[in-house]
Amino acid sequence: MKSQIPNDATAFLLKFVKPEYENDFIQGKLRMNPLSYFIEREKETGDRGVGDALEASAVYADVEMTLMDPETDEVLVKGKAERINIHSNDRIKSPVLCMYSVDKDVLQVSSEDESSIEVFPQIEKNELEKLISDFGDNMLIINAKLFMDRVKEKCEELQIDFKAGKVKYYDFSKNYSDRVSKYLDLDSSDICFIKDDYFKAQNEYRLLLENVSTESYHILDIGDISDLVTKFKISDFFSGRYKLILKKEMISI
């Protein structure tokens, strides 16, 4: 059946979490790493899954370069670079919470009425194997709308500006105009919601704190969320054995 789920709607959020951090998350203590953590993780370990050396970066492919002396205009170096990437040292200190968006891209609709939609989660086998390889099999299912309501309430209380939404994926070997146009301001939070399509299987929904800066990690304490969270396994969730009933008024954040 053709999906009637809106293009921009997220039904649930999944948090892939290590067992040692699970209880903290359920208690509402959201551990948020700065973007620099993911940059350094790939550089130091070669882990391109959790790690991503191009986080919050302006990435240009096949660039003609000319380096000139600023006083004499003499050309010092001229050539072509396969790729150039630059980032703001301030913006990469922004803490982020990375989650998986359960939306129309991963939901197959089996039936629908005026108030609800019956669906089952489904992704390709290689995508499932990649998720488990990168993050382990442990996860939490989160009521997306109510979770984000509580995040918004706490951020308003603490006067924290935040941006939340799905990451958009691009082929970084091509200079798409809509992606490059977002590079005009390297300090803009928009650049933090762009990733190479290598990571597309992560279907990421991201929460970023715009006016918080850290070089280690930040804890956003939104209070107990045990009423919004269910423990599950990634392999079970995408096994095809489980159907979900979505109330239409609860599937958009």
C-alpha atoms as a PDB file:
ATOM      1  CA  MET A   1       0.000   0.000   0.000  1.00  0.00           C
ATOM      2  CA  LYS A   2       1.255   3.464  -0.854  1.00  0.00           C
ATOM      3  CA  SER A   3       2.500   5.311   2.226  1.00  0.00           C
ATOM      4  CA  GLN A   4       0.230   8.073   3.520  1.00  0.00           C
ATOM      5  CA  ILE A   5       2.851   9.158   6.035  1.00  0.00           C
ATOM      6  CA  PRO A   6       3.863  12.799   5.401  1.00  0.00           C
ATOM      7  CA  ASN A   7       7.309  13.297   3.876  1.00  0.00           C
ATOM      8  CA  ASP A   8       8.576  15.336   6.835  1.00  0.00           C
ATOM      9  CA  ALA A   9       6.987  13.245   9.602  1.00  0.00           C
ATOM     10  CA  THR A  10       8.878  11.126  12.116  1.00  0.00           C
ATOM     11  CA  ALA A  11       6.813   8.447  13.855  1.00  0.00           C
ATOM     12  CA  PHE A  12       9.420   7.265  16.348  1.00  0.00           C
ATOM     13  CA  LEU A  13      13.034   7.940  17.180  1.00  0.00           C
ATOM     14  CA  LEU A  14      15.517   5.164  17.851  1.00  0.00           C
ATOM     15  CA  LYS A  15      18.519   5.730  20.062  1.00  0.00           C
ATOM     16  CA  PHE A  16      21.310   3.223  19.525  1.00  0.00           C
ATOM     17  CA  VAL A  17      22.890   3.161  22.953  1.00  0.00           C
ATOM     18  CA  LYS A  18      25.549   1.188  24.766  1.00  0.00           C
ATOM     19  CA  PRO A  19      24.162  -0.755  27.750  1.00  0.00           C
ATOM     20  CA  GLU A  20      26.254   1.288  30.196  1.00  0.00           C
ATOM     21  CA  TYR A  21      24.524   4.530  29.049  1.00  0.00           C
ATOM     22  CA  GLU A  22      21.013   3.110  28.738  1.00  0.00           C
ATOM     23  CA  ASN A  23      19.733   3.946  32.222  1.00  0.00           C
ATOM     24  CA  ASP A  24      21.107   7.490  32.085  1.00  0.00           C
ATOM     25  CA  PHE A  25      19.209   8.103  28.858  1.00  0.00           C
ATOM     26  CA  ILE A  26      15.967   6.689  30.287  1.00  0.00           C
ATOM     27  CA  GLN A  27      16.398   9.035  33.246  1.00  0.00           C
ATOM     28  CA  GLY A  28      16.508  11.907  30.764  1.00  0.00           C
ATOM     29  CA  LYS A  29      20.219  12.633  31.054  1.00  0.00           C
ATOM     30  CA  LEU A  30      21.007  13.129  27.372  1.00  0.00           C
ATOM     31  CA  ARG A  31      24.727  12.781  26.768  1.00  0.00           C
ATOM     32  CA  MET A  32      25.646  14.922  23.776  1.00  0.00           C
ATOM     33  CA  ASN A  33      29.081  14.818  22.168  1.00  0.00           C
ATOM     34  CA  PRO A  34      30.456  17.808  20.256  1.00  0.00           C
ATOM     35  CA  LEU A  35      30.790  17.445  16.493  1.00  0.00           C
ATOM     36  CA  SER A  36      34.561  17.467  16.981  1.00  0.00           C
ATOM     37  CA  TYR A  37      34.260  14.088  18.733  1.00  0.00           C
ATOM     38  CA  PHE A  38      33.059  12.428  15.522  1.00  0.00           C
ATOM     39  CA  ILE A  39      35.713  14.180  13.450  1.00  0.00           C
ATOM     40  CA  GLU A  40      38.516  12.989  15.709  1.00  0.00           C
ATOM     41  CA  ARG A  41      37.064   9.501  16.036  1.00  0.00           C
ATOM     42  CA  GLU A  42      37.437   8.782  12.333  1.00  0.00           C
ATOM     43  CA  LYS A  43      40.834  10.478  12.133  1.00  0.00           C
ATOM     44  CA  GLU A  44      42.235   8.598  15.120  1.00  0.00           C
ATOM     45  CA  THR A  45      40.624   5.158  14.716  1.00  0.00           C
ATOM     46  CA  GLY A  46      39.556   4.954  11.082  1.00  0.00           C
ATOM     47  CA  ASP A  47      36.011   4.275  12.260  1.00  0.00           C
ATOM     48  CA  ARG A  48      33.794   5.704   9.533  1.00  0.00           C
ATOM     49  CA  GLY A  49      30.397   4.885  10.972  1.00  0.00           C
ATOM     50  CA  VAL A  50      30.129   6.532  14.342  1.00  0.00           C
ATOM     51  CA  GLY A  51      33.092   8.650  13.255  1.00  0.00           C
ATOM     52  CA  ASP A  52      32.884  11.164  10.407  1.00  0.00           C
ATOM     53  CA  ALA A  53      35.858  13.387   9.623  1.00  0.00           C
ATOM     54  CA  LEU A  54      33.639  15.675   7.510  1.00  0.00           C
ATOM     55  CA  GLU A  55      31.136  16.648  10.208  1.00  0.00           C
ATOM     56  CA  ALA A  56      29.985  20.277   9.916  1.00  0.00           C
ATOM     57  CA  SER A  57      32.369  20.810   6.997  1.00  0.00           C
ATOM     58  CA  ALA A  58      32.089  22.609   3.702  1.00  0.00           C
ATOM     59  CA  VAL A  59      33.149  19.960   1.199  1.00  0.00           C
ATOM     60  CA  TYR A  60      34.051  20.871  -2.381  1.00  0.00           C
ATOM     61  CA  ALA A  61      34.972  18.329  -5.052  1.00  0.00           C
ATOM     62  CA  ASP A  62      37.334  18.790  -8.017  1.00  0.00           C
ATOM     63  CA  VAL A  63      38.477  22.289  -7.115  1.00  0.00           C
ATOM     64  CA  GLU A  64      40.882  24.411  -9.150  1.00  0.00           C
ATOM     65  CA  MET A  65      43.300  26.044  -6.706  1.00  0.00           C
ATOM     66  CA  THR A  66      45.515  29.099  -7.088  1.00  0.00           C
ATOM     67  CA  LEU A  67      47.690  30.321  -4.200  1.00  0.00           C
ATOM     68  CA  MET A  68      48.963  33.863  -4.682  1.00  0.00           C
ATOM     69  CA  ASP A  69      51.286  36.207  -2.848  1.00  0.00           C
ATOM     70  CA  PRO A  70      48.970  38.861  -1.290  1.00  0.00           C
ATOM     71  CA  GLU A  71      51.489  41.655  -1.865  1.00  0.00           C
ATOM     72  CA  THR A  72      52.726  40.931  -5.383  1.00  0.00           C
ATOM     73  CA  ASP A  73      49.879  38.799  -6.797  1.00  0.00           C
ATOM     74  CA  GLU A  74      52.549  36.325  -7.879  1.00  0.00           C
ATOM     75  CA  VAL A  75      51.099  32.829  -8.415  1.00  0.00           C
ATOM     76  CA  LEU A  76      52.847  30.528  -5.949  1.00  0.00           C
ATOM     77  CA  VAL A  77      50.923  27.298  -6.450  1.00  0.00           C
ATOM     78  CA  LYS A  78      48.352  26.292  -9.022  1.00  0.00           C
ATOM     79  CA  GLY A  79      46.649  22.956  -9.417  1.00  0.00           C
ATOM     80  CA  LYS A  80      43.551  20.833  -8.949  1.00  0.00           C
ATOM     81  CA  ALA A  81      42.405  19.251  -5.702  1.00  0.00           C
ATOM     82  CA  GLU A  82      40.184  16.176  -5.645  1.00  0.00           C
ATOM     83  CA  ARG A  83      38.502  17.518  -2.513  1.00  0.00           C
ATOM     84  CA  ILE A  84      38.738  20.457  -0.133  1.00  0.00           C
ATOM     85  CA  ASN A  85      36.955  20.608   3.210  1.00  0.00           C
ATOM     86  CA  ILE A  86      36.901  23.392   5.794  1.00  0.00           C
ATOM     87  CA  HIS A  87      34.974  23.930   9.015  1.00  0.00           C
ATOM     88  CA  SER A  88      34.401  26.478  11.761  1.00  0.00           C
ATOM     89  CA  ASN A  89      36.389  25.704  14.912  1.00  0.00           C
ATOM     90  CA  ASP A  90      33.550  27.211  16.945  1.00  0.00           C
ATOM     91  CA  ARG A  91      30.708  25.274  15.318  1.00  0.00           C
ATOM     92  CA  ILE A  92      32.362  21.865  15.783  1.00  0.00           C
ATOM     93  CA  LYS A  93      32.139  22.445  19.552  1.00  0.00           C
ATOM     94  CA  SER A  94      28.331  22.295  19.334  1.00  0.00           C
ATOM     95  CA  PRO A  95      26.893  19.249  21.169  1.00  0.00           C
ATOM     96  CA  VAL A  96      24.586  16.930  19.236  1.00  0.00           C
ATOM     97  CA  LEU A  97      22.295  14.017  20.009  1.00  0.00           C
ATOM     98  CA  CYS A  98      22.133  11.566  17.124  1.00  0.00           C
ATOM     99  CA  MET A  99      19.085   9.332  16.670  1.00  0.00           C
ATOM    100  CA  TYR A 100      17.458   7.250  13.936  1.00  0.00           C
ATOM    101  CA  SER A 101      14.279   8.561  12.306  1.00  0.00           C
ATOM    102  CA  VAL A 102      11.507   5.990  11.880  1.00  0.00           C
ATOM    103  CA  ASP A 103       9.643   7.598   8.977  1.00  0.00           C
ATOM    104  CA  LYS A 104       8.188   6.862   5.570  1.00  0.00           C
ATOM    105  CA  ASP A 105      11.617   5.826   4.249  1.00  0.00           C
ATOM    106  CA  VAL A 106      11.687   2.756   6.505  1.00  0.00           C
ATOM    107  CA  LEU A 107       7.980   2.028   7.090  1.00  0.00           C
ATOM    108  CA  GLN A 108       5.786  -0.169   4.933  1.00  0.00           C
ATOM    109  CA  VAL A 109       2.068   0.594   5.282  1.00  0.00           C
ATOM    110  CA  SER A 110      -0.195  -2.458   5.595  1.00  0.00           C
ATOM    111  CA  SER A 111      -3.514  -0.747   6.428  1.00  0.00           C
ATOM    112  CA  GLU A 112      -4.949   2.638   7.309  1.00  0.00           C
ATOM    113  CA  ASP A 113      -8.116   4.264   8.636  1.00  0.00           C
ATOM    114  CA  GLU A 114      -9.116   7.817   9.537  1.00  0.00           C
ATOM    115  CA  SER A 115      -7.183   7.941  12.799  1.00  0.00           C
ATOM    116  CA  SER A 116      -4.305   5.460  12.498  1.00  0.00           C
ATOM    117  CA  ILE A 117      -1.881   3.715  10.178  1.00  0.00           C
ATOM    118  CA  GLU A 118      -0.640   0.127  10.575  1.00  0.00           C
ATOM    119  CA  VAL A 119       2.969  -0.248   9.464  1.00  0.00           C
ATOM    120  CA  PHE A 120       5.992  -2.476   9.803  1.00  0.00           C
ATOM    121  CA  PRO A 121       9.639  -1.319   9.765  1.00  0.00           C
ATOM    122  CA  GLN A 122      11.717  -2.639   6.897  1.00  0.00           C
ATOM    123  CA  ILE A 123      15.235  -1.925   5.639  1.00  0.00           C
ATOM    124  CA  GLU A 124      17.681  -3.776   3.408  1.00  0.00           C
ATOM    125  CA  LYS A 125      19.704  -6.605   4.959  1.00  0.00           C
ATOM    126  CA  ASN A 126      23.028  -4.865   4.269  1.00  0.00           C
ATOM    127  CA  GLU A 127      21.735  -1.685   5.951  1.00  0.00           C
ATOM    128  CA  LEU A 128      20.689  -3.660   9.031  1.00  0.00           C
ATOM    129  CA  GLU A 129      24.067  -5.388   9.210  1.00  0.00           C
ATOM    130  CA  LYS A 130      25.835  -2.028   8.903  1.00  0.00           C
ATOM    131  CA  LEU A 131      23.791  -0.486  11.737  1.00  0.00           C
ATOM    132  CA  ILE A 132      24.540  -3.390  14.074  1.00  0.00           C
ATOM    133  CA  SER A 133      28.212  -3.368  13.084  1.00  0.00           C
ATOM    134  CA  ASP A 134      28.516   0.366  13.802  1.00  0.00           C
ATOM    135  CA  PHE A 135      26.339   0.690  16.900  1.00  0.00           C
ATOM    136  CA  GLY A 136      25.715  -2.762  18.397  1.00  0.00           C
ATOM    137  CA  ASP A 137      22.254  -4.359  18.680  1.00  0.00           C
ATOM    138  CA  ASN A 138      20.980  -2.397  21.686  1.00  0.00           C
ATOM    139  CA  MET A 139      18.473   0.418  21.184  1.00  0.00           C
ATOM    140  CA  LEU A 140      15.616   2.416  22.673  1.00  0.00           C
ATOM    141  CA  ILE A 141      12.344   3.229  20.909  1.00  0.00           C
ATOM    142  CA  ILE A 142      11.275   6.790  21.725  1.00  0.00           C
ATOM    143  CA  ASN A 143       7.922   8.536  21.329  1.00  0.00           C
ATOM    144  CA  ALA A 144       9.209  11.267  19.019  1.00  0.00           C
ATOM    145  CA  LYS A 145       6.596  13.964  19.529  1.00  0.00           C
ATOM    146  CA  LEU A 146       6.452  13.792  23.329  1.00  0.00           C
ATOM    147  CA  PHE A 147      10.241  13.494  23.584  1.00  0.00           C
ATOM    148  CA  MET A 148      10.782  16.635  21.520  1.00  0.00           C
ATOM    149  CA  ASP A 149       8.091  18.444  23.532  1.00  0.00           C
ATOM    150  CA  ARG A 150      10.140  17.812  26.673  1.00  0.00           C
ATOM    151  CA  VAL A 151      13.381  18.826  24.986  1.00  0.00           C
ATOM    152  CA  LYS A 152      11.757  22.084  23.878  1.00  0.00           C
ATOM    153  CA  GLU A 153      10.387  22.776  27.354  1.00  0.00           C
ATOM    154  CA  LYS A 154      13.767  22.224  29.024  1.00  0.00           C
ATOM    155  CA  CYS A 155      15.682  24.246  26.444  1.00  0.00           C
ATOM    156  CA  GLU A 156      13.265  27.158  26.862  1.00  0.00           C
ATOM    157  CA  GLU A 157      13.764  26.957  30.637  1.00  0.00           C
ATOM    158  CA  LEU A 158      17.564  27.002  30.246  1.00  0.00           C
ATOM    159  CA  GLN A 159      17.498  29.562  27.415  1.00  0.00           C
ATOM    160  CA  ILE A 160      19.195  27.140  25.054  1.00  0.00           C
ATOM    161  CA  ASP A 161      18.647  27.596  21.322  1.00  0.00           C
ATOM    162  CA  PHE A 162      18.420  24.322  19.457  1.00  0.00           C
ATOM    163  CA  LYS A 163      17.881  22.987  15.975  1.00  0.00           C
ATOM    164  CA  ALA A 164      16.370  19.567  15.330  1.00  0.00           C
ATOM    165  CA  GLY A 165      15.561  17.653  12.189  1.00  0.00           C
ATOM    166  CA  LYS A 166      16.618  15.024   9.719  1.00  0.00           C
ATOM    167  CA  VAL A 167      20.079  14.987   8.242  1.00  0.00           C
ATOM    168  CA  LYS A 168      20.178  15.400   4.458  1.00  0.00           C
ATOM    169  CA  TYR A 169      22.547  13.130   2.559  1.00  0.00           C
ATOM    170  CA  TYR A 170      24.509  14.024  -0.576  1.00  0.00           C
ATOM    171  CA  ASP A 171      27.103  12.504  -2.861  1.00  0.00           C
ATOM    172  CA  PHE A 172      30.123  14.553  -1.767  1.00  0.00           C
ATOM    173  CA  SER A 173      31.926  13.789  -5.029  1.00  0.00           C
ATOM    174  CA  LYS A 174      29.526  16.243  -6.709  1.00  0.00           C
ATOM    175  CA  ASN A 175      29.014  19.933  -5.929  1.00  0.00           C
ATOM    176  CA  TYR A 176      25.237  20.196  -5.715  1.00  0.00           C
ATOM    177  CA  SER A 177      24.124  23.837  -5.674  1.00  0.00           C
ATOM    178  CA  ASP A 178      21.648  23.483  -2.778  1.00  0.00           C
ATOM    179  CA  ARG A 179      24.374  21.934  -0.619  1.00  0.00           C
ATOM    180  CA  VAL A 180      27.111  24.408  -1.597  1.00  0.00           C
ATOM    181  CA  SER A 181      24.788  27.356  -0.935  1.00  0.00           C
ATOM    182  CA  LYS A 182      24.681  26.326   2.737  1.00  0.00           C
ATOM    183  CA  TYR A 183      28.463  26.753   2.969  1.00  0.00           C
ATOM    184  CA  LEU A 184      28.288  30.557   2.783  1.00  0.00           C
ATOM    185  CA  ASP A 185      28.175  30.728   6.596  1.00  0.00           C
ATOM    186  CA  LEU A 186      30.372  28.086   8.232  1.00  0.00           C
ATOM    187  CA  ASP A 187      28.976  29.015  11.648  1.00  0.00           C
ATOM    188  CA  SER A 188      25.399  28.328  10.609  1.00  0.00           C
ATOM    189  CA  SER A 189      23.785  25.270  12.175  1.00  0.00           C
ATOM    190  CA  ASP A 190      22.484  24.291   8.714  1.00  0.00           C
ATOM    191  CA  ILE A 191      25.882  22.884   7.811  1.00  0.00           C
ATOM    192  CA  CYS A 192      25.575  20.408  10.708  1.00  0.00           C
ATOM    193  CA  PHE A 193      22.632  18.677   9.026  1.00  0.00           C
ATOM    194  CA  ILE A 194      24.518  17.675   5.868  1.00  0.00           C
ATOM    195  CA  LYS A 195      26.393  14.380   5.544  1.00  0.00           C
ATOM    196  CA  ASP A 196      27.875  12.235   2.808  1.00  0.00           C
ATOM    197  CA  ASP A 197      25.505   9.598   1.440  1.00  0.00           C
ATOM    198  CA  TYR A 198      27.901   6.934   2.745  1.00  0.00           C
ATOM    199  CA  PHE A 199      25.981   7.414   6.014  1.00  0.00           C
ATOM    200  CA  LYS A 200      22.504   7.324   4.458  1.00  0.00           C
ATOM    201  CA  ALA A 201      21.543   4.039   6.120  1.00  0.00           C
ATOM    202  CA  GLN A 202      21.694   5.821   9.501  1.00  0.00           C
ATOM    203  CA  ASN A 203      18.592   7.853   8.523  1.00  0.00           C
ATOM    204  CA  GLU A 204      19.607  10.310  11.198  1.00  0.00           C
ATOM    205  CA  TYR A 205      17.453  12.706  13.164  1.00  0.00           C
ATOM    206  CA  ARG A 206      19.705  15.157  14.959  1.00  0.00           C
ATOM    207  CA  LEU A 207      19.315  17.511  17.915  1.00  0.00           C
ATOM    208  CA  LEU A 208      21.931  20.277  18.064  1.00  0.00           C
ATOM    209  CA  LEU A 209      22.369  22.893  20.794  1.00  0.00           C
ATOM    210  CA  GLU A 210      23.228  26.106  18.974  1.00  0.00           C
ATOM    211  CA  ASN A 211      24.444  28.315  21.818  1.00  0.00           C
ATOM    212  CA  VAL A 212      26.216  25.651  23.909  1.00  0.00           C
ATOM    213  CA  SER A 213      29.898  24.921  23.376  1.00  0.00           C
ATOM    214  CA  THR A 214      31.945  22.008  24.706  1.00  0.00           C
ATOM    215  CA  GLU A 215      35.165  20.172  23.958  1.00  0.00           C
ATOM    216  CA  SER A 216      34.199  17.046  25.929  1.00  0.00           C
ATOM    217  CA  TYR A 217      30.455  16.369  26.227  1.00  0.00           C
ATOM    218  CA  HIS A 218      27.303  18.048  27.486  1.00  0.00           C
ATOM    219  CA  ILE A 219      24.480  16.544  29.551  1.00  0.00           C
ATOM    220  CA  LEU A 220      21.028  17.944  28.802  1.00  0.00           C
ATOM    221  CA  ASP A 221      18.835  16.756  31.684  1.00  0.00           C
ATOM    222  CA  ILE A 222      15.170  16.783  30.612  1.00  0.00           C
ATOM    223  CA  GLY A 223      13.928  14.632  33.490  1.00  0.00           C
ATOM    224  CA  ASP A 224      12.735  11.043  33.584  1.00  0.00           C
ATOM    225  CA  ILE A 225      11.453   9.783  30.205  1.00  0.00           C
ATOM    226  CA  SER A 226      10.809   6.153  31.121  1.00  0.00           C
ATOM    227  CA  ASP A 227       7.185   6.675  30.061  1.00  0.00           C
ATOM    228  CA  LEU A 228       8.349   7.504  26.516  1.00  0.00           C
ATOM    229  CA  VAL A 229      10.968   4.792  26.015  1.00  0.00           C
ATOM    230  CA  THR A 230      10.907   1.066  25.241  1.00  0.00           C
ATOM    231  CA  LYS A 231      13.985  -1.166  25.246  1.00  0.00           C
ATOM    232  CA  PHE A 232      14.450  -3.207  22.091  1.00  0.00           C
ATOM    233  CA  LYS A 233      16.982  -4.798  19.738  1.00  0.00           C
ATOM    234  CA  ILE A 234      17.789  -3.397  16.319  1.00  0.00           C
ATOM    235  CA  SER A 235      17.692  -6.883  14.808  1.00  0.00           C
ATOM    236  CA  ASP A 236      14.215  -7.530  16.237  1.00  0.00           C
ATOM    237  CA  PHE A 237      12.778  -4.139  15.295  1.00  0.00           C
ATOM    238  CA  PHE A 238      13.651  -4.606  11.611  1.00  0.00           C
ATOM    239  CA  SER A 239      12.918  -8.343  11.518  1.00  0.00           C
ATOM    240  CA  GLY A 240       9.489  -7.913   9.898  1.00  0.00           C
ATOM    241  CA  ARG A 241       7.800  -9.701  12.794  1.00  0.00           C
ATOM    242  CA  TYR A 242       6.481  -6.564  14.472  1.00  0.00           C
ATOM    243  CA  LYS A 243       3.774  -4.175  13.306  1.00  0.00           C
ATOM    244  CA  LEU A 244       3.237  -0.696  14.679  1.00  0.00           C
ATOM    245  CA  ILE A 245      -0.025   1.192  15.026  1.00  0.00           C
ATOM    246  CA  LEU A 246       0.578   4.897  14.481  1.00  0.00           C
ATOM    247  CA  LYS A 247      -1.917   7.495  15.670  1.00  0.00           C
ATOM    248  CA  LYS A 248      -1.903  10.161  12.968  1.00  0.00           C
ATOM    249  CA  GLU A 249      -1.823  13.062  15.393  1.00  0.00           C
ATOM    250  CA  MET A 250       1.384  11.663  16.946  1.00  0.00           C
ATOM    251  CA  ILE A 251       3.565  11.091  13.871  1.00  0.00           C
ATOM    252  CA  SER A 252       4.845  14.572  13.142  1.00  0.00           C
ATOM    253  CA  ILE A 253       7.554  16.527  14.972  1.00  0.00           C
END
